[in-house]
Structures are given as structure tokens and as C-alpha cells.
C-alpha atoms as a PDB file:
ATOM      1  CA  MET A   1      -4.556  31.990 -49.649  1.00  0.00           C
ATOM      2  CA  THR A   2      -5.519  29.615 -46.798  1.00  0.00           C
ATOM      3  CA  ARG A   3      -3.086  27.871 -44.521  1.00  0.00           C
ATOM      4  CA  ILE A   4      -3.041  24.067 -44.416  1.00  0.00           C
ATOM      5  CA  PHE A   5      -3.191  23.848 -40.602  1.00  0.00           C
ATOM      6  CA  ALA A   6      -5.563  26.763 -40.011  1.00  0.00           C
ATOM      7  CA  GLY A   7      -7.917  25.930 -37.121  1.00  0.00           C
ATOM      8  CA  THR A   8      -6.212  22.639 -36.186  1.00  0.00           C
ATOM      9  CA  PRO A   9      -4.348  21.899 -32.945  1.00  0.00           C
ATOM     10  CA  TRP A  10      -1.058  22.437 -34.811  1.00  0.00           C
ATOM     11  CA  ASP A  11      -2.092  25.986 -35.717  1.00  0.00           C
ATOM     12  CA  ARG A  12      -2.945  27.008 -32.171  1.00  0.00           C
ATOM     13  CA  PRO A  13      -0.339  27.703 -29.502  1.00  0.00           C
ATOM     14  CA  PRO A  14      -0.147  25.062 -26.752  1.00  0.00           C
ATOM     15  CA  ARG A  15      -2.331  25.557 -23.667  1.00  0.00           C
ATOM     16  CA  CYS A  16      -2.094  24.342 -20.095  1.00  0.00           C
ATOM     17  CA  ASP A  17      -4.223  21.244 -19.427  1.00  0.00           C
ATOM     18  CA  ARG A  18      -5.202  22.439 -15.944  1.00  0.00           C
ATOM     19  CA  CYS A  19      -6.030  26.154 -16.312  1.00  0.00           C
ATOM     20  CA  GLY A  20      -6.535  26.479 -20.082  1.00  0.00           C
ATOM     21  CA  ARG A  21      -4.229  29.500 -20.464  1.00  0.00           C
ATOM     22  CA  LEU A  22      -1.399  29.679 -22.944  1.00  0.00           C
ATOM     23  CA  GLU A  23       1.622  27.745 -21.682  1.00  0.00           C
ATOM     24  CA  THR A  24       3.687  30.933 -21.697  1.00  0.00           C
ATOM     25  CA  ASP A  25       1.091  32.650 -19.413  1.00  0.00           C
ATOM     26  CA  CYS A  26       0.360  29.651 -17.165  1.00  0.00           C
ATOM     27  CA  ALA A  27       0.961  30.146 -13.433  1.00  0.00           C
ATOM     28  CA  CYS A  28       0.020  26.616 -12.301  1.00  0.00           C
ATOM     29  CA  PRO A  29       2.441  24.931  -9.877  1.00  0.00           C
ATOM     30  CA  PRO A  30       4.454  22.028 -11.304  1.00  0.00           C
ATOM     31  CA  ALA A  31       2.717  18.669 -11.395  1.00  0.00           C
ATOM     32  CA  ALA A  32       3.183  16.426  -8.380  1.00  0.00           C
ATOM     33  CA  VAL A  33       6.202  14.184  -8.694  1.00  0.00           C
ATOM     34  CA  GLU A  34       5.779  10.488  -7.927  1.00  0.00           C
ATOM     35  CA  PRO A  35       7.833   9.257  -4.996  1.00  0.00           C
ATOM     36  CA  PRO A  36      10.927   7.332  -6.039  1.00  0.00           C
ATOM     37  CA  PRO A  37      10.668   3.550  -5.887  1.00  0.00           C
ATOM     38  CA  LEU A  38      11.715   1.879  -2.675  1.00  0.00           C
ATOM     39  CA  PRO A  39      15.362   0.862  -2.538  1.00  0.00           C
ATOM     40  CA  PRO A  40      15.659  -2.843  -3.372  1.00  0.00           C
ATOM     41  CA  HIS A  41      17.266  -3.771  -0.036  1.00  0.00           C
ATOM     42  CA  LEU A  42      14.263  -2.639   2.049  1.00  0.00           C
ATOM     43  CA  PRO A  43      11.489  -5.012   0.942  1.00  0.00           C
ATOM     44  CA  THR A  44      11.913  -8.773   1.122  1.00  0.00           C
ATOM     45  CA  ALA A  45      10.695 -10.612  -1.954  1.00  0.00           C
ATOM     46  CA  ILE A  46       8.748 -13.721  -1.008  1.00  0.00           C
ATOM     47  CA  LEU A  47       9.105 -16.391  -3.690  1.00  0.00           C
ATOM     48  CA  ARG A  48       6.944 -19.453  -4.020  1.00  0.00           C
ATOM     49  CA  ARG A  49       5.695 -22.006  -6.494  1.00  0.00           C
ATOM     50  CA  GLU A  50       1.977 -22.636  -7.003  1.00  0.00           C
ATOM     51  CA  LYS A  51       0.352 -25.457  -8.896  1.00  0.00           C
ATOM     52  CA  ARG A  52      -2.834 -24.398 -10.640  1.00  0.00           C
ATOM     53  CA  PRO A  53      -5.916 -26.627 -11.049  1.00  0.00           C
ATOM     54  CA  ARG A  54      -4.976 -27.982 -14.483  1.00  0.00           C
ATOM     55  CA  GLY A  55      -1.436 -28.839 -13.445  1.00  0.00           C
ATOM     56  CA  LYS A  56       0.203 -25.612 -14.576  1.00  0.00           C
ATOM     57  CA  VAL A  57       3.032 -24.366 -12.359  1.00  0.00           C
ATOM     58  CA  VAL A  58       3.386 -20.643 -11.641  1.00  0.00           C
ATOM     59  CA  THR A  59       6.203 -18.787  -9.870  1.00  0.00           C
ATOM     60  CA  ILE A  60       4.931 -16.039  -7.538  1.00  0.00           C
ATOM     61  CA  VAL A  61       6.958 -13.003  -6.409  1.00  0.00           C
ATOM     62  CA  ALA A  62       5.143 -11.264  -3.532  1.00  0.00           C
ATOM     63  CA  GLY A  63       5.949  -8.898  -0.693  1.00  0.00           C
ATOM     64  CA  LEU A  64       7.193  -6.036  -2.866  1.00  0.00           C
ATOM     65  CA  ASP A  65       5.353  -2.750  -2.575  1.00  0.00           C
ATOM     66  CA  PRO A  66       6.870  -0.338  -5.106  1.00  0.00           C
ATOM     67  CA  PRO A  67       4.720   1.992  -7.198  1.00  0.00           C
ATOM     68  CA  THR A  68       2.841   0.299 -10.035  1.00  0.00           C
ATOM     69  CA  ALA A  69       5.220   1.544 -12.727  1.00  0.00           C
ATOM     70  CA  ALA A  70       8.243   0.094 -10.917  1.00  0.00           C
ATOM     71  CA  LEU A  71       6.467  -3.227 -10.380  1.00  0.00           C
ATOM     72  CA  GLU A  72       5.587  -3.400 -14.082  1.00  0.00           C
ATOM     73  CA  ALA A  73       9.199  -2.659 -15.035  1.00  0.00           C
ATOM     74  CA  LEU A  74      10.461  -5.348 -12.645  1.00  0.00           C
ATOM     75  CA  ALA A  75       7.943  -7.849 -14.040  1.00  0.00           C
ATOM     76  CA  ALA A  76       9.079  -7.037 -17.581  1.00  0.00           C
ATOM     77  CA  GLN A  77      12.725  -7.606 -16.599  1.00  0.00           C
ATOM     78  CA  LEU A  78      11.928 -10.944 -14.956  1.00  0.00           C
ATOM     79  CA  LYS A  79       9.781 -12.138 -17.862  1.00  0.00           C
ATOM     80  CA  SER A  80      12.479 -11.196 -20.355  1.00  0.00           C
ATOM     81  CA  ALA A  81      15.271 -12.866 -18.373  1.00  0.00           C
ATOM     82  CA  CYS A  82      13.224 -16.044 -17.856  1.00  0.00           C
ATOM     83  CA  GLY A  83      11.918 -16.116 -21.424  1.00  0.00           C
ATOM     84  CA  THR A  84       8.373 -16.650 -20.242  1.00  0.00           C
ATOM     85  CA  GLY A  85       5.058 -14.882 -19.903  1.00  0.00           C
ATOM     86  CA  GLY A  86       3.511 -13.503 -16.776  1.00  0.00           C
ATOM     87  CA  THR A  87       1.275 -10.901 -15.223  1.00  0.00           C
ATOM     88  CA  ILE A  88       0.763  -8.693 -12.191  1.00  0.00           C
ATOM     89  CA  LYS A  89      -2.209  -9.557  -9.983  1.00  0.00           C
ATOM     90  CA  GLN A  90      -3.010  -8.008  -6.603  1.00  0.00           C
ATOM     91  CA  GLY A  91       0.490  -6.559  -6.241  1.00  0.00           C
ATOM     92  CA  ARG A  92       2.185  -9.894  -6.997  1.00  0.00           C
ATOM     93  CA  ILE A  93       4.203 -10.873 -10.043  1.00  0.00           C
ATOM     94  CA  GLU A  94       3.139 -14.208 -11.504  1.00  0.00           C
ATOM     95  CA  LEU A  95       5.472 -15.903 -13.986  1.00  0.00           C
ATOM     96  CA  GLN A  96       4.513 -18.937 -16.035  1.00  0.00           C
ATOM     97  CA  GLY A  97       6.457 -22.089 -15.241  1.00  0.00           C
ATOM     98  CA  ASP A  98       8.823 -23.186 -12.495  1.00  0.00           C
ATOM     99  CA  ARG A  99      11.333 -20.302 -12.537  1.00  0.00           C
ATOM    100  CA  LEU A 100      12.089 -20.121  -8.812  1.00  0.00           C
ATOM    101  CA  GLU A 101      15.880 -20.572  -9.082  1.00  0.00           C
ATOM    102  CA  VAL A 102      16.295 -18.048 -11.906  1.00  0.00           C
ATOM    103  CA  VAL A 103      14.071 -15.425 -10.270  1.00  0.00           C
ATOM    104  CA  ASP A 104      15.844 -15.850  -6.927  1.00  0.00           C
ATOM    105  CA  ARG A 105      19.253 -15.321  -8.549  1.00  0.00           C
ATOM    106  CA  LEU A 106      18.050 -12.317 -10.572  1.00  0.00           C
ATOM    107  CA  LEU A 107      16.425 -10.546  -7.613  1.00  0.00           C
ATOM    108  CA  GLN A 108      19.461 -11.098  -5.402  1.00  0.00           C
ATOM    109  CA  GLY A 109      21.630  -9.728  -8.193  1.00  0.00           C
ATOM    110  CA  MET A 110      19.449  -6.581  -8.200  1.00  0.00           C
ATOM    111  CA  GLY A 111      19.937  -6.164  -4.444  1.00  0.00           C
ATOM    112  CA  TYR A 112      16.642  -7.569  -3.173  1.00  0.00           C
ATOM    113  CA  THR A 113      16.524  -9.838  -0.147  1.00  0.00           C
ATOM    114  CA  THR A 114      14.608 -13.007  -1.001  1.00  0.00           C
ATOM    115  CA  ARG A 115      12.815 -15.615   1.044  1.00  0.00           C
ATOM    116  CA  ARG A 116      11.309 -18.835  -0.272  1.00  0.00           C
ATOM    117  CA  LYS A 117       8.108 -20.340   1.010  1.00  0.00           C
END
């Protein structure tokens, strides 16, 4: 009688990705932990409006320097609250449309200091 999972990853015990030993025998140190994101009151968010070549208006949030994951989470929160699309480019959050007032209120509510340009 043969087993269904014989020879597949589900049949083998899990191994460490770094040393290749069984996880129960692994002596590798724990993986490096990412530093926590900066507290919101330290950085000042610089808000501004830009008009693109074809007349499109974009709201820019710059001056924040958290890790990439925190910046993506913040961008997702802002996009959801504004009901608009956006992206992250060169460490700045760009939201479609003129959302300066809403973004300013939201960031201040989260504890960020804001400055408009």
C-alpha cells in the first residue's frame, strides 16, 4: 500500500530555510526583527497639491520616513478614507484628486503633525 503524500513536501518534516536541518534540530538564531515604525508625532507630513500636465490634480503626502510596510498601510488607510486611488512613489504617497482637507484631518487625527505647502 502506498501513501498519497509519499515524497511530497507534506510527507517530509519541515526544515529550516537557512541551515537546511530539521526545524526541531535547528540552532539558527531568530530572524532579525524589523524596527518598529516611527511614532506619528515625530515626522511632519508635508501636504501639497500638484497639477499634472493633462490637468489632473494629485494630493501629495511627503516627509514621512517609516518602513515601507508602514507607508503602504498608511497609504491604504488614506485611499480607503478618501475613496480614491493612489500610489507610493519615491517615499511619497500620491492620491488622485484634490483631497488636501480630508488627508490633513485624517493625519492629524492619527497624531501626525502636518504642514501645507
